[in-house]
Amino acid sequence: MTRAYGVAFVVLLVVAGAALWWRHQRPVPPIVAMPAPGAAFSPTPPPAAPPPPPAIKHPLPRPEPPENLPPVDRADAFIENEVVHLLGRKDVREFIEVHGLARRFVATVNNLAGDDASASLWPVKPTPGHFQAQVRGAETVIGPANAARYTPFVRFAQTIDARRAVGLYRRLYPILQAAYEDLGFPGKYLNDRVVEVIDNLLATPAISEPIVVRRFAADGGGPPSALYIYADPSLEARSAGQKILLRVGHENAAVLTAKLGEIRAELVTRSAAAH
């Protein structure tokens, strides 16, 4: 069990225990403070109404009739079978992390537009090899061999049929939405976040290569770590997803953003037409 799932399990136990305890208590009449003699009585105002849920920007059409899908915690085998049907067993075995795929997908999508997208949560397997840096004069840059590490995955992504992929996403959407709400976003619409993150990735700037990097050094001194960060603070401040696209090289990034553009068009244009 990973630390994240362990924490979630403990939280669920505490919540369940509190709910069970509450149901077995006798109702206690509330204590009402009486006003002092001669003081004006001010009735307690009614509680404020909860804010309305945010409007959905990019609604997906509801399946007709609704499909009887498994709950998110028992959906691994079902999702794996559907993904194999879309991509083929060989590519799934090589590139996709099928265990907990629904939760991995929503966690990674949500994190890509943030500061950190932990590789331990990725729905795809880590890229083999290590980051390749190269010293050029007084600077350290991303080495030209680094992009080659990502080429097999980029070629795989290029072959994905965007229409079929979005069709599968729509079919699995109730499972993914449940996983997103479990992640800590009850009432929030996952597809709006998906489109938002795609737009963030498509806004990745085009930077002249080679890109200068430096070893990360913690505050307070000490030797530099094995971790590289972008030397330009404006690049290092970019989202996790944009920094990944900068790292994979121009040609690979162009292929991936083109595929993201196809997927966005399928998600937004066809969904709008269905309504």
C-alpha atoms as a PDB file:
ATOM      1  CA  MET A   1       0.000   0.000   0.000  1.00  0.00           C
ATOM      2  CA  THR A   2       1.466   3.389  -0.956  1.00  0.00           C
ATOM      3  CA  ARG A   3       1.666   6.165   1.612  1.00  0.00           C
ATOM      4  CA  ALA A   4      -1.086   8.113  -0.179  1.00  0.00           C
ATOM      5  CA  TYR A   5      -3.477   5.169  -0.103  1.00  0.00           C
ATOM      6  CA  GLY A   6      -2.489   4.473   3.521  1.00  0.00           C
ATOM      7  CA  VAL A   7      -3.368   8.018   4.566  1.00  0.00           C
ATOM      8  CA  ALA A   8      -6.643   7.851   2.653  1.00  0.00           C
ATOM      9  CA  PHE A   9      -7.496   4.542   4.337  1.00  0.00           C
ATOM     10  CA  VAL A  10      -6.879   5.996   7.821  1.00  0.00           C
ATOM     11  CA  VAL A  11      -8.986   9.057   7.032  1.00  0.00           C
ATOM     12  CA  LEU A  12     -11.848   6.846   5.834  1.00  0.00           C
ATOM     13  CA  LEU A  13     -11.671   4.798   9.044  1.00  0.00           C
ATOM     14  CA  VAL A  14     -11.816   7.937  11.181  1.00  0.00           C
ATOM     15  CA  VAL A  15     -14.766   9.325   9.228  1.00  0.00           C
ATOM     16  CA  ALA A  16     -16.627   6.003   9.318  1.00  0.00           C
ATOM     17  CA  GLY A  17     -15.963   5.626  13.030  1.00  0.00           C
ATOM     18  CA  ALA A  18     -17.217   9.132  13.720  1.00  0.00           C
ATOM     19  CA  ALA A  19     -20.378   8.494  11.700  1.00  0.00           C
ATOM     20  CA  LEU A  20     -21.027   5.195  13.541  1.00  0.00           C
ATOM     21  CA  TRP A  21     -20.490   6.871  16.921  1.00  0.00           C
ATOM     22  CA  TRP A  22     -22.856   9.687  15.988  1.00  0.00           C
ATOM     23  CA  ARG A  23     -25.680   7.316  15.042  1.00  0.00           C
ATOM     24  CA  HIS A  24     -25.560   5.607  18.453  1.00  0.00           C
ATOM     25  CA  GLN A  25     -25.843   8.761  20.535  1.00  0.00           C
ATOM     26  CA  ARG A  26     -29.062   9.981  22.085  1.00  0.00           C
ATOM     27  CA  PRO A  27     -30.121  13.339  20.706  1.00  0.00           C
ATOM     28  CA  VAL A  28     -29.280  16.044  23.222  1.00  0.00           C
ATOM     29  CA  PRO A  29     -31.579  19.094  23.299  1.00  0.00           C
ATOM     30  CA  PRO A  30     -29.681  22.239  22.406  1.00  0.00           C
ATOM     31  CA  ILE A  31     -28.828  24.688  25.177  1.00  0.00           C
ATOM     32  CA  VAL A  32     -30.490  28.012  24.478  1.00  0.00           C
ATOM     33  CA  ALA A  33     -29.067  31.055  26.224  1.00  0.00           C
ATOM     34  CA  MET A  34     -31.804  33.230  27.717  1.00  0.00           C
ATOM     35  CA  PRO A  35     -31.466  36.962  27.251  1.00  0.00           C
ATOM     36  CA  ALA A  36     -30.768  39.079  30.330  1.00  0.00           C
ATOM     37  CA  PRO A  37     -33.765  40.893  31.817  1.00  0.00           C
ATOM     38  CA  GLY A  38     -34.568  43.955  29.767  1.00  0.00           C
ATOM     39  CA  ALA A  39     -32.260  42.989  26.939  1.00  0.00           C
ATOM     40  CA  ALA A  40     -33.633  42.904  23.404  1.00  0.00           C
ATOM     41  CA  PHE A  41     -34.065  39.393  22.025  1.00  0.00           C
ATOM     42  CA  SER A  42     -32.158  38.747  18.794  1.00  0.00           C
ATOM     43  CA  PRO A  43     -33.227  35.539  17.102  1.00  0.00           C
ATOM     44  CA  THR A  44     -30.422  33.412  15.657  1.00  0.00           C
ATOM     45  CA  PRO A  45     -30.262  34.037  11.916  1.00  0.00           C
ATOM     46  CA  PRO A  46     -30.855  30.995   9.708  1.00  0.00           C
ATOM     47  CA  PRO A  47     -27.713  29.351   8.281  1.00  0.00           C
ATOM     48  CA  ALA A  48     -26.530  30.705   4.969  1.00  0.00           C
ATOM     49  CA  ALA A  49     -27.491  28.664   1.924  1.00  0.00           C
ATOM     50  CA  PRO A  50     -24.578  26.685   0.451  1.00  0.00           C
ATOM     51  CA  PRO A  51     -23.076  28.226  -2.675  1.00  0.00           C
ATOM     52  CA  PRO A  52     -24.418  26.821  -5.935  1.00  0.00           C
ATOM     53  CA  PRO A  53     -22.168  24.296  -7.715  1.00  0.00           C
ATOM     54  CA  PRO A  54     -19.946  25.861 -10.382  1.00  0.00           C
ATOM     55  CA  ALA A  55     -21.376  25.910 -13.883  1.00  0.00           C
ATOM     56  CA  ILE A  56     -20.060  23.160 -16.152  1.00  0.00           C
ATOM     57  CA  LYS A  57     -18.091  24.669 -19.035  1.00  0.00           C
ATOM     58  CA  HIS A  58     -17.523  21.578 -21.167  1.00  0.00           C
ATOM     59  CA  PRO A  59     -20.339  19.075 -20.588  1.00  0.00           C
ATOM     60  CA  LEU A  60     -20.106  15.613 -22.054  1.00  0.00           C
ATOM     61  CA  PRO A  61     -23.174  13.945 -23.546  1.00  0.00           C
ATOM     62  CA  ARG A  62     -24.785  11.386 -21.265  1.00  0.00           C
ATOM     63  CA  PRO A  63     -24.749   7.838 -22.649  1.00  0.00           C
ATOM     64  CA  GLU A  64     -28.128   6.497 -23.701  1.00  0.00           C
ATOM     65  CA  PRO A  65     -28.933   4.181 -22.084  1.00  0.00           C
ATOM     66  CA  PRO A  66     -26.512   4.586 -19.127  1.00  0.00           C
ATOM     67  CA  GLU A  67     -24.007   1.728 -18.925  1.00  0.00           C
ATOM     68  CA  ASN A  68     -23.722  -0.388 -15.786  1.00  0.00           C
ATOM     69  CA  LEU A  69     -20.070   0.339 -14.983  1.00  0.00           C
ATOM     70  CA  PRO A  70     -18.104  -1.074 -12.034  1.00  0.00           C
ATOM     71  CA  PRO A  71     -17.263   1.234  -9.100  1.00  0.00           C
ATOM     72  CA  VAL A  72     -13.877   2.897  -9.260  1.00  0.00           C
ATOM     73  CA  ASP A  73     -12.302   0.597  -6.650  1.00  0.00           C
ATOM     74  CA  ARG A  74     -13.193  -2.500  -8.683  1.00  0.00           C
ATOM     75  CA  ALA A  75     -12.707  -1.095 -12.164  1.00  0.00           C
ATOM     76  CA  ASP A  76      -9.091  -2.102 -12.921  1.00  0.00           C
ATOM     77  CA  ALA A  77      -9.830  -5.259 -14.920  1.00  0.00           C
ATOM     78  CA  PHE A  78     -12.676  -3.601 -16.842  1.00  0.00           C
ATOM     79  CA  ILE A  79     -10.587  -0.537 -17.737  1.00  0.00           C
ATOM     80  CA  GLU A  80      -7.553  -2.639 -18.687  1.00  0.00           C
ATOM     81  CA  ASN A  81      -9.662  -4.693 -21.089  1.00  0.00           C
ATOM     82  CA  GLU A  82     -11.055  -1.529 -22.722  1.00  0.00           C
ATOM     83  CA  VAL A  83      -7.616   0.103 -23.020  1.00  0.00           C
ATOM     84  CA  VAL A  84      -6.136  -3.079 -24.526  1.00  0.00           C
ATOM     85  CA  HIS A  85      -8.962  -3.071 -27.079  1.00  0.00           C
ATOM     86  CA  LEU A  86      -8.067   0.529 -28.000  1.00  0.00           C
ATOM     87  CA  LEU A  87      -4.261   0.356 -27.961  1.00  0.00           C
ATOM     88  CA  GLY A  88      -3.293  -3.306 -28.256  1.00  0.00           C
ATOM     89  CA  ARG A  89      -1.863  -5.547 -25.551  1.00  0.00           C
ATOM     90  CA  LYS A  90       1.795  -5.051 -26.544  1.00  0.00           C
ATOM     91  CA  ASP A  91       1.664  -1.244 -26.250  1.00  0.00           C
ATOM     92  CA  VAL A  92      -0.355  -1.388 -23.039  1.00  0.00           C
ATOM     93  CA  ARG A  93       2.197  -3.751 -21.496  1.00  0.00           C
ATOM     94  CA  GLU A  94       5.077  -1.515 -22.605  1.00  0.00           C
ATOM     95  CA  PHE A  95       3.713   1.941 -21.838  1.00  0.00           C
ATOM     96  CA  ILE A  96       0.650   1.878 -19.554  1.00  0.00           C
ATOM     97  CA  GLU A  97       0.481   1.345 -15.794  1.00  0.00           C
ATOM     98  CA  VAL A  98      -2.882  -0.422 -15.545  1.00  0.00           C
ATOM     99  CA  HIS A  99      -3.050  -0.858 -11.762  1.00  0.00           C
ATOM    100  CA  GLY A 100      -5.269   1.895 -10.373  1.00  0.00           C
ATOM    101  CA  LEU A 101      -5.437   3.468 -13.834  1.00  0.00           C
ATOM    102  CA  ALA A 102      -8.536   5.590 -13.177  1.00  0.00           C
ATOM    103  CA  ARG A 103      -7.057   7.188 -10.060  1.00  0.00           C
ATOM    104  CA  ARG A 104      -3.650   7.575 -11.695  1.00  0.00           C
ATOM    105  CA  PHE A 105      -5.236   9.301 -14.691  1.00  0.00           C
ATOM    106  CA  VAL A 106      -7.198  11.882 -12.714  1.00  0.00           C
ATOM    107  CA  ALA A 107      -4.343  12.581 -10.276  1.00  0.00           C
ATOM    108  CA  THR A 108      -1.841  13.134 -13.085  1.00  0.00           C
ATOM    109  CA  VAL A 109      -4.219  15.246 -15.160  1.00  0.00           C
ATOM    110  CA  ASN A 110      -4.917  17.427 -12.152  1.00  0.00           C
ATOM    111  CA  ASN A 111      -1.215  17.752 -11.282  1.00  0.00           C
ATOM    112  CA  LEU A 112       0.109  18.545 -14.769  1.00  0.00           C
ATOM    113  CA  ALA A 113      -1.112  22.135 -14.576  1.00  0.00           C
ATOM    114  CA  GLY A 114       0.327  22.512 -11.060  1.00  0.00           C
ATOM    115  CA  ASP A 115       3.801  22.615  -9.575  1.00  0.00           C
ATOM    116  CA  ASP A 116       4.492  18.901  -9.369  1.00  0.00           C
ATOM    117  CA  ALA A 117       3.331  15.768 -11.181  1.00  0.00           C
ATOM    118  CA  SER A 118       4.744  12.865  -9.194  1.00  0.00           C
ATOM    119  CA  ALA A 119       5.964  10.052 -11.428  1.00  0.00           C
ATOM    120  CA  SER A 120       4.716   7.540  -8.850  1.00  0.00           C
ATOM    121  CA  LEU A 121       1.138   8.488  -9.825  1.00  0.00           C
ATOM    122  CA  TRP A 122       1.569   8.505 -13.610  1.00  0.00           C
ATOM    123  CA  PRO A 123      -0.733   6.318 -15.703  1.00  0.00           C
ATOM    124  CA  VAL A 124       2.223   5.641 -18.025  1.00  0.00           C
ATOM    125  CA  LYS A 125       5.431   3.833 -17.181  1.00  0.00           C
ATOM    126  CA  PRO A 126       8.525   5.964 -16.494  1.00  0.00           C
ATOM    127  CA  THR A 127      10.837   6.677 -19.410  1.00  0.00           C
ATOM    128  CA  PRO A 128      13.894   4.365 -19.336  1.00  0.00           C
ATOM    129  CA  GLY A 129      17.315   5.814 -18.727  1.00  0.00           C
ATOM    130  CA  HIS A 130      18.380   8.994 -17.011  1.00  0.00           C
ATOM    131  CA  PHE A 131      18.204  12.696 -17.759  1.00  0.00           C
ATOM    132  CA  GLN A 132      21.008  13.652 -20.142  1.00  0.00           C
ATOM    133  CA  ALA A 133      22.816  16.929 -19.469  1.00  0.00           C
ATOM    134  CA  GLN A 134      25.857  18.279 -21.273  1.00  0.00           C
ATOM    135  CA  VAL A 135      28.424  20.902 -20.281  1.00  0.00           C
ATOM    136  CA  ARG A 136      28.993  23.579 -22.895  1.00  0.00           C
ATOM    137  CA  GLY A 137      31.549  26.130 -21.814  1.00  0.00           C
ATOM    138  CA  ALA A 138      30.360  27.727 -18.584  1.00  0.00           C
ATOM    139  CA  GLU A 139      26.809  26.357 -18.929  1.00  0.00           C
ATOM    140  CA  THR A 140      25.046  23.034 -18.547  1.00  0.00           C
ATOM    141  CA  VAL A 141      22.334  22.300 -21.102  1.00  0.00           C
ATOM    142  CA  ILE A 142      19.851  19.536 -21.838  1.00  0.00           C
ATOM    143  CA  GLY A 143      21.814  17.097 -23.975  1.00  0.00           C
ATOM    144  CA  PRO A 144      20.607  16.261 -27.496  1.00  0.00           C
ATOM    145  CA  ALA A 145      20.503  12.560 -26.550  1.00  0.00           C
ATOM    146  CA  ASN A 146      17.872  13.259 -23.916  1.00  0.00           C
ATOM    147  CA  ALA A 147      15.055  13.635 -26.460  1.00  0.00           C
ATOM    148  CA  ALA A 148      15.805  10.176 -27.883  1.00  0.00           C
ATOM    149  CA  ARG A 149      14.730   8.605 -24.552  1.00  0.00           C
ATOM    150  CA  TYR A 150      11.171   9.790 -25.188  1.00  0.00           C
ATOM    151  CA  THR A 151      10.952   8.872 -28.868  1.00  0.00           C
ATOM    152  CA  PRO A 152       9.362   5.404 -28.414  1.00  0.00           C
ATOM    153  CA  PHE A 153       6.573   6.808 -26.255  1.00  0.00           C
ATOM    154  CA  VAL A 154       6.033   9.770 -28.584  1.00  0.00           C
ATOM    155  CA  ARG A 155       5.713   7.423 -31.572  1.00  0.00           C
ATOM    156  CA  PHE A 156       3.209   5.368 -29.601  1.00  0.00           C
ATOM    157  CA  ALA A 157       1.201   8.489 -28.703  1.00  0.00           C
ATOM    158  CA  GLN A 158       1.229   9.588 -32.335  1.00  0.00           C
ATOM    159  CA  THR A 159      -0.536   6.384 -33.409  1.00  0.00           C
ATOM    160  CA  ILE A 160      -3.446   6.807 -30.969  1.00  0.00           C
ATOM    161  CA  ASP A 161      -6.737   7.500 -32.721  1.00  0.00           C
ATOM    162  CA  ALA A 162      -7.979  10.650 -30.995  1.00  0.00           C
ATOM    163  CA  ARG A 163     -11.637  10.012 -31.816  1.00  0.00           C
ATOM    164  CA  ARG A 164     -11.592   6.460 -30.451  1.00  0.00           C
ATOM    165  CA  ALA A 165      -9.595   7.537 -27.408  1.00  0.00           C
ATOM    166  CA  VAL A 166     -12.096  10.275 -26.554  1.00  0.00           C
ATOM    167  CA  GLY A 167     -14.916   7.817 -27.181  1.00  0.00           C
ATOM    168  CA  LEU A 168     -13.425   5.485 -24.569  1.00  0.00           C
ATOM    169  CA  TYR A 169     -12.885   8.417 -22.197  1.00  0.00           C
ATOM    170  CA  ARG A 170     -16.571   9.334 -22.497  1.00  0.00           C
ATOM    171  CA  ARG A 171     -17.594   5.745 -21.884  1.00  0.00           C
ATOM    172  CA  LEU A 172     -15.427   5.511 -18.760  1.00  0.00           C
ATOM    173  CA  TYR A 173     -16.286   9.017 -17.617  1.00  0.00           C
ATOM    174  CA  PRO A 174     -18.530   8.040 -14.653  1.00  0.00           C
ATOM    175  CA  ILE A 175     -15.646   6.008 -13.201  1.00  0.00           C
ATOM    176  CA  LEU A 176     -13.159   8.829 -13.808  1.00  0.00           C
ATOM    177  CA  GLN A 177     -15.516  11.432 -12.354  1.00  0.00           C
ATOM    178  CA  ALA A 178     -15.918   9.320  -9.208  1.00  0.00           C
ATOM    179  CA  ALA A 179     -12.122   8.999  -8.922  1.00  0.00           C
ATOM    180  CA  TYR A 180     -11.774  12.779  -9.314  1.00  0.00           C
ATOM    181  CA  GLU A 181     -14.285  13.479  -6.569  1.00  0.00           C
ATOM    182  CA  ASP A 182     -12.536  10.940  -4.337  1.00  0.00           C
ATOM    183  CA  LEU A 183      -9.311  12.845  -4.971  1.00  0.00           C
ATOM    184  CA  GLY A 184     -10.797  15.780  -3.089  1.00  0.00           C
ATOM    185  CA  PHE A 185     -12.941  17.610  -5.629  1.00  0.00           C
ATOM    186  CA  PRO A 186     -16.576  16.770  -4.816  1.00  0.00           C
ATOM    187  CA  GLY A 187     -18.985  18.586  -7.086  1.00  0.00           C
ATOM    188  CA  LYS A 188     -16.214  19.581  -9.514  1.00  0.00           C
ATOM    189  CA  TYR A 189     -16.495  18.447 -13.145  1.00  0.00           C
ATOM    190  CA  LEU A 190     -13.448  16.479 -14.283  1.00  0.00           C
ATOM    191  CA  ASN A 191     -13.823  17.241 -17.990  1.00  0.00           C
ATOM    192  CA  ASP A 192     -13.537  20.975 -17.306  1.00  0.00           C
ATOM    193  CA  ARG A 193     -10.213  20.297 -15.592  1.00  0.00           C
ATOM    194  CA  VAL A 194      -9.077  18.069 -18.477  1.00  0.00           C
ATOM    195  CA  VAL A 195      -9.707  20.840 -21.022  1.00  0.00           C
ATOM    196  CA  GLU A 196      -8.070  23.404 -18.723  1.00  0.00           C
ATOM    197  CA  VAL A 197      -4.950  21.253 -18.407  1.00  0.00           C
ATOM    198  CA  ILE A 198      -4.773  20.597 -22.159  1.00  0.00           C
ATOM    199  CA  ASP A 199      -4.956  24.361 -22.746  1.00  0.00           C
ATOM    200  CA  ASN A 200      -2.137  24.857 -20.253  1.00  0.00           C
ATOM    201  CA  LEU A 201       0.017  22.304 -22.081  1.00  0.00           C
ATOM    202  CA  LEU A 202      -0.751  23.836 -25.481  1.00  0.00           C
ATOM    203  CA  ALA A 203       0.478  27.189 -24.105  1.00  0.00           C
ATOM    204  CA  THR A 204       3.998  25.805 -23.552  1.00  0.00           C
ATOM    205  CA  PRO A 205       6.434  28.390 -24.947  1.00  0.00           C
ATOM    206  CA  ALA A 206       8.764  27.600 -27.826  1.00  0.00           C
ATOM    207  CA  ILE A 207      12.285  27.978 -26.430  1.00  0.00           C
ATOM    208  CA  SER A 208      15.495  27.974 -28.434  1.00  0.00           C
ATOM    209  CA  GLU A 209      17.531  24.864 -27.803  1.00  0.00           C
ATOM    210  CA  PRO A 210      19.696  23.845 -26.101  1.00  0.00           C
ATOM    211  CA  ILE A 211      17.960  24.836 -22.852  1.00  0.00           C
ATOM    212  CA  VAL A 212      20.238  25.791 -19.974  1.00  0.00           C
ATOM    213  CA  VAL A 213      19.797  23.881 -16.712  1.00  0.00           C
ATOM    214  CA  ARG A 214      21.604  23.724 -13.388  1.00  0.00           C
ATOM    215  CA  ARG A 215      21.817  21.354 -10.480  1.00  0.00           C
ATOM    216  CA  PHE A 216      19.373  22.056  -7.701  1.00  0.00           C
ATOM    217  CA  ALA A 217      20.963  23.229  -4.470  1.00  0.00           C
ATOM    218  CA  ALA A 218      18.916  23.382  -1.274  1.00  0.00           C
ATOM    219  CA  ASP A 219      18.795  26.591   0.729  1.00  0.00           C
ATOM    220  CA  GLY A 220      21.445  26.774   3.404  1.00  0.00           C
ATOM    221  CA  GLY A 221      24.308  25.435   1.339  1.00  0.00           C
ATOM    222  CA  GLY A 222      25.436  21.887   0.913  1.00  0.00           C
ATOM    223  CA  PRO A 223      26.502  20.095  -2.246  1.00  0.00           C
ATOM    224  CA  PRO A 224      24.253  20.286  -5.330  1.00  0.00           C
ATOM    225  CA  SER A 225      21.859  17.383  -5.741  1.00  0.00           C
ATOM    226  CA  ALA A 226      21.466  15.076  -8.736  1.00  0.00           C
ATOM    227  CA  LEU A 227      18.262  16.944  -9.636  1.00  0.00           C
ATOM    228  CA  TYR A 228      18.396  19.443 -12.478  1.00  0.00           C
ATOM    229  CA  ILE A 229      16.194  22.508 -12.734  1.00  0.00           C
ATOM    230  CA  TYR A 230      15.865  25.174 -15.420  1.00  0.00           C
ATOM    231  CA  ALA A 231      18.377  27.976 -15.056  1.00  0.00           C
ATOM    232  CA  ASP A 232      15.817  30.515 -16.292  1.00  0.00           C
ATOM    233  CA  PRO A 233      13.488  31.219 -13.326  1.00  0.00           C
ATOM    234  CA  SER A 234      10.578  31.927 -15.683  1.00  0.00           C
ATOM    235  CA  LEU A 235      10.884  28.405 -17.107  1.00  0.00           C
ATOM    236  CA  GLU A 236      11.287  26.791 -13.696  1.00  0.00           C
ATOM    237  CA  ALA A 237       8.077  28.575 -12.619  1.00  0.00           C
ATOM    238  CA  ARG A 238       6.102  26.919 -15.428  1.00  0.00           C
ATOM    239  CA  SER A 239       3.611  24.149 -14.723  1.00  0.00           C
ATOM    240  CA  ALA A 240       4.828  20.578 -14.302  1.00  0.00           C
ATOM    241  CA  GLY A 241       3.345  19.588 -17.671  1.00  0.00           C
ATOM    242  CA  GLN A 242       4.946  22.472 -19.541  1.00  0.00           C
ATOM    243  CA  LYS A 243       8.341  21.657 -18.034  1.00  0.00           C
ATOM    244  CA  ILE A 244       7.967  18.071 -19.235  1.00  0.00           C
ATOM    245  CA  LEU A 245       7.216  19.274 -22.772  1.00  0.00           C
ATOM    246  CA  LEU A 246      10.262  21.544 -22.663  1.00  0.00           C
ATOM    247  CA  ARG A 247      12.411  18.623 -21.531  1.00  0.00           C
ATOM    248  CA  VAL A 248      11.414  16.157 -24.263  1.00  0.00           C
ATOM    249  CA  GLY A 249      12.731  18.329 -27.094  1.00  0.00           C
ATOM    250  CA  HIS A 250      11.078  20.425 -29.822  1.00  0.00           C
ATOM    251  CA  GLU A 251      10.254  17.606 -32.224  1.00  0.00           C
ATOM    252  CA  ASN A 252       8.735  15.353 -29.585  1.00  0.00           C
ATOM    253  CA  ALA A 253       6.831  18.241 -28.042  1.00  0.00           C
ATOM    254  CA  ALA A 254       5.404  19.177 -31.449  1.00  0.00           C
ATOM    255  CA  VAL A 255       4.039  15.644 -31.918  1.00  0.00           C
ATOM    256  CA  LEU A 256       2.540  15.528 -28.432  1.00  0.00           C
ATOM    257  CA  THR A 257       0.917  18.968 -28.637  1.00  0.00           C
ATOM    258  CA  ALA A 258      -0.534  18.126 -32.055  1.00  0.00           C
ATOM    259  CA  LYS A 259      -2.140  15.023 -30.546  1.00  0.00           C
ATOM    260  CA  LEU A 260      -3.401  17.067 -27.602  1.00  0.00           C
ATOM    261  CA  GLY A 261      -4.961  19.500 -30.068  1.00  0.00           C
ATOM    262  CA  GLU A 262      -6.785  16.626 -31.789  1.00  0.00           C
ATOM    263  CA  ILE A 263      -8.052  15.340 -28.452  1.00  0.00           C
ATOM    264  CA  ARG A 264      -9.205  18.806 -27.371  1.00  0.00           C
ATOM    265  CA  ALA A 265     -11.136  19.239 -30.608  1.00  0.00           C
ATOM    266  CA  GLU A 266     -12.858  15.898 -30.057  1.00  0.00           C
ATOM    267  CA  LEU A 267     -13.667  16.762 -26.452  1.00  0.00           C
ATOM    268  CA  VAL A 268     -14.986  20.277 -27.016  1.00  0.00           C
ATOM    269  CA  THR A 269     -16.316  20.481 -30.580  1.00  0.00           C
ATOM    270  CA  ARG A 270     -18.104  17.144 -30.678  1.00  0.00           C
ATOM    271  CA  SER A 271     -19.399  17.496 -27.125  1.00  0.00           C
ATOM    272  CA  ALA A 272     -20.834  20.920 -27.970  1.00  0.00           C
ATOM    273  CA  ALA A 273     -22.418  19.555 -31.146  1.00  0.00           C
ATOM    274  CA  ALA A 274     -24.049  16.748 -29.134  1.00  0.00           C
ATOM    275  CA  HIS A 275     -25.815  19.353 -27.042  1.00  0.00           C
END
